[in-house]
Amino acid sequence: MLTQDRNRILFDGFVLEPLSEQQYPLRFDCGDSDLNDFFRNDVLNHERQLFTKTYCLYEYNAELEKKSPLVGLISYSNDSVRIKDFKDHEEEIPEEKRYPNIPAVKIARLAIQQDFQHLGIGSLLLNLTKLFFVTNNRTGCRLLTLDAYNDDKVVSFYMRSGFNFIHEKDKNKRNRIMFYDLTRTPV
């Protein structure tokens, strides 16, 4: 069950809360040097510049009101997808609803602490994100987007969570642009 208040989201024994400067220095290692560098060194500046908003995921015991050490991190930013770049999926947007750009939220970074990887926590965080933007959608947001490392394991992970490629132009690049249509999320 999803429970939200202004500062946190409770879901299935986990809590998602905004990152605060008081949490630094972060004790976090996801095993990826690029992601570790962002969360250890860049995230606060990105927040101060209003580029991203980052949330921390913890296991949470509601009866004791106690949370575990940090399990995962996710950063969001605003995004849009030009309708002309979305031509392979254009039939999903009704003609009378078409704008030059489709409103989106980008998952700028997502990382799970090494000790919690391969336990379904990343999938849980993606599902929580889908619910968060469908049930608490304050501005209009049709798509979730992300730039996935062009690695079979990473791409497969996102595809299992319902993400697809926006186009094939980037199939040989370092990152693949992927999307999830939030209208597919059951509420």
C-alpha atoms as a PDB file:
ATOM      1  CA  MET A   1       0.000   0.000   0.000  1.00  0.00           C
ATOM      2  CA  LEU A   2       1.211   3.481  -0.896  1.00  0.00           C
ATOM      3  CA  THR A   3       1.009   6.221   1.734  1.00  0.00           C
ATOM      4  CA  GLN A   4       2.217   9.742   0.994  1.00  0.00           C
ATOM      5  CA  ASP A   5       2.678  12.877   2.967  1.00  0.00           C
ATOM      6  CA  ARG A   6       4.522  16.052   2.072  1.00  0.00           C
ATOM      7  CA  ASN A   7       7.991  14.738   2.931  1.00  0.00           C
ATOM      8  CA  ARG A   8       7.944  10.995   2.414  1.00  0.00           C
ATOM      9  CA  ILE A   9       6.338   8.024   0.729  1.00  0.00           C
ATOM     10  CA  LEU A  10       5.761   4.721   2.522  1.00  0.00           C
ATOM     11  CA  PHE A  11       5.417   1.592   0.398  1.00  0.00           C
ATOM     12  CA  ASP A  12       5.723  -2.121   1.200  1.00  0.00           C
ATOM     13  CA  GLY A  13       8.077  -1.770   4.174  1.00  0.00           C
ATOM     14  CA  PHE A  14      10.157   0.974   2.561  1.00  0.00           C
ATOM     15  CA  VAL A  15      10.259   4.747   2.899  1.00  0.00           C
ATOM     16  CA  LEU A  16      11.344   7.220   0.231  1.00  0.00           C
ATOM     17  CA  GLU A  17      12.422  10.606   1.602  1.00  0.00           C
ATOM     18  CA  PRO A  18      14.060  13.678   0.091  1.00  0.00           C
ATOM     19  CA  LEU A  19      17.830  13.864   0.417  1.00  0.00           C
ATOM     20  CA  SER A  20      19.081  16.448   2.906  1.00  0.00           C
ATOM     21  CA  GLU A  21      22.481  18.059   3.366  1.00  0.00           C
ATOM     22  CA  GLN A  22      22.577  16.681   6.928  1.00  0.00           C
ATOM     23  CA  GLN A  23      23.070  13.192   5.473  1.00  0.00           C
ATOM     24  CA  TYR A  24      26.545  14.068   4.215  1.00  0.00           C
ATOM     25  CA  PRO A  25      29.025  12.600   3.859  1.00  0.00           C
ATOM     26  CA  LEU A  26      26.941   9.847   2.256  1.00  0.00           C
ATOM     27  CA  ARG A  27      27.940   6.290   3.057  1.00  0.00           C
ATOM     28  CA  PHE A  28      26.930   4.788  -0.228  1.00  0.00           C
ATOM     29  CA  ASP A  29      28.517   2.415  -2.730  1.00  0.00           C
ATOM     30  CA  CYS A  30      26.584   0.977  -5.635  1.00  0.00           C
ATOM     31  CA  GLY A  31      29.684  -0.458  -7.331  1.00  0.00           C
ATOM     32  CA  ASP A  32      29.554   2.012 -10.240  1.00  0.00           C
ATOM     33  CA  SER A  33      32.204   4.752 -10.028  1.00  0.00           C
ATOM     34  CA  ASP A  34      30.204   7.231 -12.141  1.00  0.00           C
ATOM     35  CA  LEU A  35      27.054   6.902 -10.016  1.00  0.00           C
ATOM     36  CA  ASN A  36      29.055   6.918  -6.765  1.00  0.00           C
ATOM     37  CA  ASP A  37      30.825  10.099  -7.873  1.00  0.00           C
ATOM     38  CA  PHE A  38      27.520  11.814  -8.678  1.00  0.00           C
ATOM     39  CA  PHE A  39      25.877  10.942  -5.361  1.00  0.00           C
ATOM     40  CA  ARG A  40      28.974  11.654  -3.260  1.00  0.00           C
ATOM     41  CA  ASN A  41      30.203  14.824  -4.982  1.00  0.00           C
ATOM     42  CA  ASP A  42      27.686  16.369  -7.394  1.00  0.00           C
ATOM     43  CA  VAL A  43      24.161  15.760  -6.149  1.00  0.00           C
ATOM     44  CA  LEU A  44      24.005  18.638  -3.647  1.00  0.00           C
ATOM     45  CA  ASN A  45      25.134  21.146  -6.257  1.00  0.00           C
ATOM     46  CA  HIS A  46      22.546  19.757  -8.705  1.00  0.00           C
ATOM     47  CA  GLU A  47      19.882  20.230  -6.024  1.00  0.00           C
ATOM     48  CA  ARG A  48      21.022  23.789  -5.233  1.00  0.00           C
ATOM     49  CA  GLN A  49      20.899  24.629  -8.944  1.00  0.00           C
ATOM     50  CA  LEU A  50      17.357  23.107  -9.124  1.00  0.00           C
ATOM     51  CA  PHE A  51      18.471  20.598 -11.769  1.00  0.00           C
ATOM     52  CA  THR A  52      17.429  17.492  -9.836  1.00  0.00           C
ATOM     53  CA  LYS A  53      15.522  16.392  -6.768  1.00  0.00           C
ATOM     54  CA  THR A  54      16.971  13.320  -5.079  1.00  0.00           C
ATOM     55  CA  TYR A  55      15.242  10.840  -2.800  1.00  0.00           C
ATOM     56  CA  CYS A  56      16.700   8.233  -0.443  1.00  0.00           C
ATOM     57  CA  LEU A  57      15.206   4.762  -0.048  1.00  0.00           C
ATOM     58  CA  TYR A  58      15.297   2.946   3.289  1.00  0.00           C
ATOM     59  CA  GLU A  59      13.710  -0.179   4.693  1.00  0.00           C
ATOM     60  CA  TYR A  60      11.188   1.042   7.249  1.00  0.00           C
ATOM     61  CA  ASN A  61       9.565  -0.501  10.312  1.00  0.00           C
ATOM     62  CA  ALA A  62       6.398   1.556  10.808  1.00  0.00           C
ATOM     63  CA  GLU A  63       5.644   0.114  14.262  1.00  0.00           C
ATOM     64  CA  LEU A  64       9.044   1.161  15.613  1.00  0.00           C
ATOM     65  CA  GLU A  65       9.268   4.203  13.322  1.00  0.00           C
ATOM     66  CA  LYS A  66      12.790   3.053  12.504  1.00  0.00           C
ATOM     67  CA  LYS A  67      14.579   3.046   9.172  1.00  0.00           C
ATOM     68  CA  SER A  68      17.562   1.028   7.963  1.00  0.00           C
ATOM     69  CA  PRO A  69      20.799   2.411   6.594  1.00  0.00           C
ATOM     70  CA  LEU A  70      20.516   3.859   3.079  1.00  0.00           C
ATOM     71  CA  VAL A  71      19.349   1.282   0.506  1.00  0.00           C
ATOM     72  CA  GLY A  72      19.021   3.303  -2.701  1.00  0.00           C
ATOM     73  CA  LEU A  73      19.040   6.746  -4.282  1.00  0.00           C
ATOM     74  CA  ILE A  74      17.043   8.198  -7.164  1.00  0.00           C
ATOM     75  CA  SER A  75      17.243  11.649  -8.753  1.00  0.00           C
ATOM     76  CA  TYR A  76      14.483  13.156 -10.877  1.00  0.00           C
ATOM     77  CA  SER A  77      14.421  16.119 -13.229  1.00  0.00           C
ATOM     78  CA  ASN A  78      11.876  17.586 -15.617  1.00  0.00           C
ATOM     79  CA  ASP A  79      12.024  16.450 -19.204  1.00  0.00           C
ATOM     80  CA  SER A  80      10.023  16.357 -22.408  1.00  0.00           C
ATOM     81  CA  VAL A  81      10.100  14.277 -25.538  1.00  0.00           C
ATOM     82  CA  ARG A  82       9.622  15.963 -28.900  1.00  0.00           C
ATOM     83  CA  ILE A  83       6.691  14.329 -30.671  1.00  0.00           C
ATOM     84  CA  LYS A  84       8.804  14.031 -33.841  1.00  0.00           C
ATOM     85  CA  ASP A  85      11.362  11.936 -31.879  1.00  0.00           C
ATOM     86  CA  PHE A  86       8.514   9.772 -30.630  1.00  0.00           C
ATOM     87  CA  LYS A  87       7.257   8.843 -34.104  1.00  0.00           C
ATOM     88  CA  ASP A  88       7.678   5.077 -33.542  1.00  0.00           C
ATOM     89  CA  HIS A  89       5.148   5.342 -30.696  1.00  0.00           C
ATOM     90  CA  GLU A  90       2.973   8.167 -32.019  1.00  0.00           C
ATOM     91  CA  GLU A  91      -0.170   6.016 -32.154  1.00  0.00           C
ATOM     92  CA  GLU A  92      -0.121   5.893 -28.324  1.00  0.00           C
ATOM     93  CA  ILE A  93      -0.873   9.636 -28.145  1.00  0.00           C
ATOM     94  CA  PRO A  94      -4.397  10.543 -29.356  1.00  0.00           C
ATOM     95  CA  GLU A  95      -4.399  13.052 -32.234  1.00  0.00           C
ATOM     96  CA  GLU A  96      -6.479  15.646 -30.384  1.00  0.00           C
ATOM     97  CA  LYS A  97      -4.055  15.523 -27.441  1.00  0.00           C
ATOM     98  CA  ARG A  98      -0.847  16.074 -29.379  1.00  0.00           C
ATOM     99  CA  TYR A  99       1.506  18.800 -28.322  1.00  0.00           C
ATOM    100  CA  PRO A 100       4.909  19.515 -29.881  1.00  0.00           C
ATOM    101  CA  ASN A 101       6.448  17.965 -26.748  1.00  0.00           C
ATOM    102  CA  ILE A 102       5.226  15.230 -24.448  1.00  0.00           C
ATOM    103  CA  PRO A 103       5.656  16.132 -20.742  1.00  0.00           C
ATOM    104  CA  ALA A 104       7.975  13.782 -18.889  1.00  0.00           C
ATOM    105  CA  VAL A 105      10.015  13.255 -15.746  1.00  0.00           C
ATOM    106  CA  LYS A 106      13.553  11.988 -16.234  1.00  0.00           C
ATOM    107  CA  ILE A 107      15.074   9.487 -13.881  1.00  0.00           C
ATOM    108  CA  ALA A 108      18.414  11.263 -13.883  1.00  0.00           C
ATOM    109  CA  ARG A 109      20.200   8.702 -11.686  1.00  0.00           C
ATOM    110  CA  LEU A 110      19.157   5.507  -9.909  1.00  0.00           C
ATOM    111  CA  ALA A 111      21.474   3.441  -7.740  1.00  0.00           C
ATOM    112  CA  ILE A 112      21.093   0.646  -5.205  1.00  0.00           C
ATOM    113  CA  GLN A 113      23.597  -0.011  -2.404  1.00  0.00           C
ATOM    114  CA  GLN A 114      25.752  -3.032  -3.353  1.00  0.00           C
ATOM    115  CA  ASP A 115      24.506  -5.182  -0.441  1.00  0.00           C
ATOM    116  CA  PHE A 116      20.908  -4.747  -1.679  1.00  0.00           C
ATOM    117  CA  GLN A 117      21.442  -5.379  -5.393  1.00  0.00           C
ATOM    118  CA  HIS A 118      19.732  -8.315  -7.133  1.00  0.00           C
ATOM    119  CA  LEU A 119      16.988  -8.433  -4.487  1.00  0.00           C
ATOM    120  CA  GLY A 120      14.291  -6.614  -6.481  1.00  0.00           C
ATOM    121  CA  ILE A 121      14.918  -3.248  -4.799  1.00  0.00           C
ATOM    122  CA  GLY A 122      15.610  -1.457  -8.110  1.00  0.00           C
ATOM    123  CA  SER A 123      12.343  -2.783  -9.553  1.00  0.00           C
ATOM    124  CA  LEU A 124      10.518  -1.751  -6.394  1.00  0.00           C
ATOM    125  CA  LEU A 125      11.992   1.760  -6.712  1.00  0.00           C
ATOM    126  CA  LEU A 126      10.849   1.991 -10.352  1.00  0.00           C
ATOM    127  CA  ASN A 127       7.344   0.823  -9.431  1.00  0.00           C
ATOM    128  CA  LEU A 128       7.252   3.312  -6.586  1.00  0.00           C
ATOM    129  CA  THR A 129       8.322   6.048  -9.022  1.00  0.00           C
ATOM    130  CA  LYS A 130       5.500   5.116 -11.401  1.00  0.00           C
ATOM    131  CA  LEU A 131       2.941   5.299  -8.593  1.00  0.00           C
ATOM    132  CA  PHE A 132       4.460   8.515  -7.253  1.00  0.00           C
ATOM    133  CA  PHE A 133       3.988  10.352 -10.536  1.00  0.00           C
ATOM    134  CA  VAL A 134       0.559   8.902 -11.292  1.00  0.00           C
ATOM    135  CA  THR A 135      -0.996   9.475  -7.855  1.00  0.00           C
ATOM    136  CA  ASN A 136       0.834  12.698  -7.040  1.00  0.00           C
ATOM    137  CA  ASN A 137       1.020  14.245 -10.506  1.00  0.00           C
ATOM    138  CA  ARG A 138       0.955  17.986  -9.884  1.00  0.00           C
ATOM    139  CA  THR A 139       2.022  19.314 -13.294  1.00  0.00           C
ATOM    140  CA  GLY A 140       1.108  16.840 -16.004  1.00  0.00           C
ATOM    141  CA  CYS A 141       3.530  14.067 -16.770  1.00  0.00           C
ATOM    142  CA  ARG A 142       2.877  11.385 -19.378  1.00  0.00           C
ATOM    143  CA  LEU A 143       6.268   9.671 -19.601  1.00  0.00           C
ATOM    144  CA  LEU A 144       9.162   8.592 -17.440  1.00  0.00           C
ATOM    145  CA  THR A 145      12.422   8.849 -19.356  1.00  0.00           C
ATOM    146  CA  LEU A 146      15.984   7.790 -18.655  1.00  0.00           C
ATOM    147  CA  ASP A 147      19.335   7.377 -20.317  1.00  0.00           C
ATOM    148  CA  ALA A 148      20.285   3.740 -19.673  1.00  0.00           C
ATOM    149  CA  TYR A 149      23.844   2.511 -19.985  1.00  0.00           C
ATOM    150  CA  ASN A 150      23.946   0.595 -23.271  1.00  0.00           C
ATOM    151  CA  ASP A 151      24.722  -2.643 -21.484  1.00  0.00           C
ATOM    152  CA  ASP A 152      22.604  -5.792 -21.900  1.00  0.00           C
ATOM    153  CA  LYS A 153      22.009  -6.227 -18.149  1.00  0.00           C
ATOM    154  CA  VAL A 154      20.998  -2.590 -17.634  1.00  0.00           C
ATOM    155  CA  VAL A 155      18.759  -2.424 -20.706  1.00  0.00           C
ATOM    156  CA  SER A 156      17.122  -5.765 -19.794  1.00  0.00           C
ATOM    157  CA  PHE A 157      16.426  -4.501 -16.260  1.00  0.00           C
ATOM    158  CA  TYR A 158      14.548  -1.467 -17.566  1.00  0.00           C
ATOM    159  CA  MET A 159      12.725  -3.462 -20.246  1.00  0.00           C
ATOM    160  CA  ARG A 160      11.457  -5.897 -17.587  1.00  0.00           C
ATOM    161  CA  SER A 161       9.985  -2.825 -15.853  1.00  0.00           C
ATOM    162  CA  GLY A 162       8.095  -1.818 -18.998  1.00  0.00           C
ATOM    163  CA  PHE A 163      10.533   0.728 -20.476  1.00  0.00           C
ATOM    164  CA  ASN A 164      11.061   0.858 -24.254  1.00  0.00           C
ATOM    165  CA  PHE A 165      13.472   2.653 -26.558  1.00  0.00           C
ATOM    166  CA  ILE A 166      12.279   5.972 -27.927  1.00  0.00           C
ATOM    167  CA  HIS A 167      14.162   5.326 -31.182  1.00  0.00           C
ATOM    168  CA  GLU A 168      17.016   3.312 -32.621  1.00  0.00           C
ATOM    169  CA  LYS A 169      19.346   6.246 -33.425  1.00  0.00           C
ATOM    170  CA  ASP A 170      21.341   5.611 -30.245  1.00  0.00           C
ATOM    171  CA  LYS A 171      21.704   1.814 -30.478  1.00  0.00           C
ATOM    172  CA  ASN A 172      25.487   2.080 -30.855  1.00  0.00           C
ATOM    173  CA  LYS A 173      26.013   4.876 -28.335  1.00  0.00           C
ATOM    174  CA  ARG A 174      27.089   4.726 -24.673  1.00  0.00           C
ATOM    175  CA  ASN A 175      23.530   5.405 -23.445  1.00  0.00           C
ATOM    176  CA  ARG A 176      20.082   4.474 -24.768  1.00  0.00           C
ATOM    177  CA  ILE A 177      17.121   6.809 -24.284  1.00  0.00           C
ATOM    178  CA  MET A 178      14.209   4.831 -22.853  1.00  0.00           C
ATOM    179  CA  PHE A 179      10.669   5.700 -21.772  1.00  0.00           C
ATOM    180  CA  TYR A 180       7.746   4.346 -19.803  1.00  0.00           C
ATOM    181  CA  ASP A 181       4.182   5.527 -20.542  1.00  0.00           C
ATOM    182  CA  LEU A 182       2.561   6.310 -17.192  1.00  0.00           C
ATOM    183  CA  THR A 183      -0.939   5.656 -18.592  1.00  0.00           C
ATOM    184  CA  ARG A 184       0.006   1.964 -18.357  1.00  0.00           C
ATOM    185  CA  THR A 185       0.344   2.168 -14.540  1.00  0.00           C
ATOM    186  CA  PRO A 186      -2.610   0.687 -12.684  1.00  0.00           C
ATOM    187  CA  VAL A 187      -3.688   2.855  -9.753  1.00  0.00           C
END
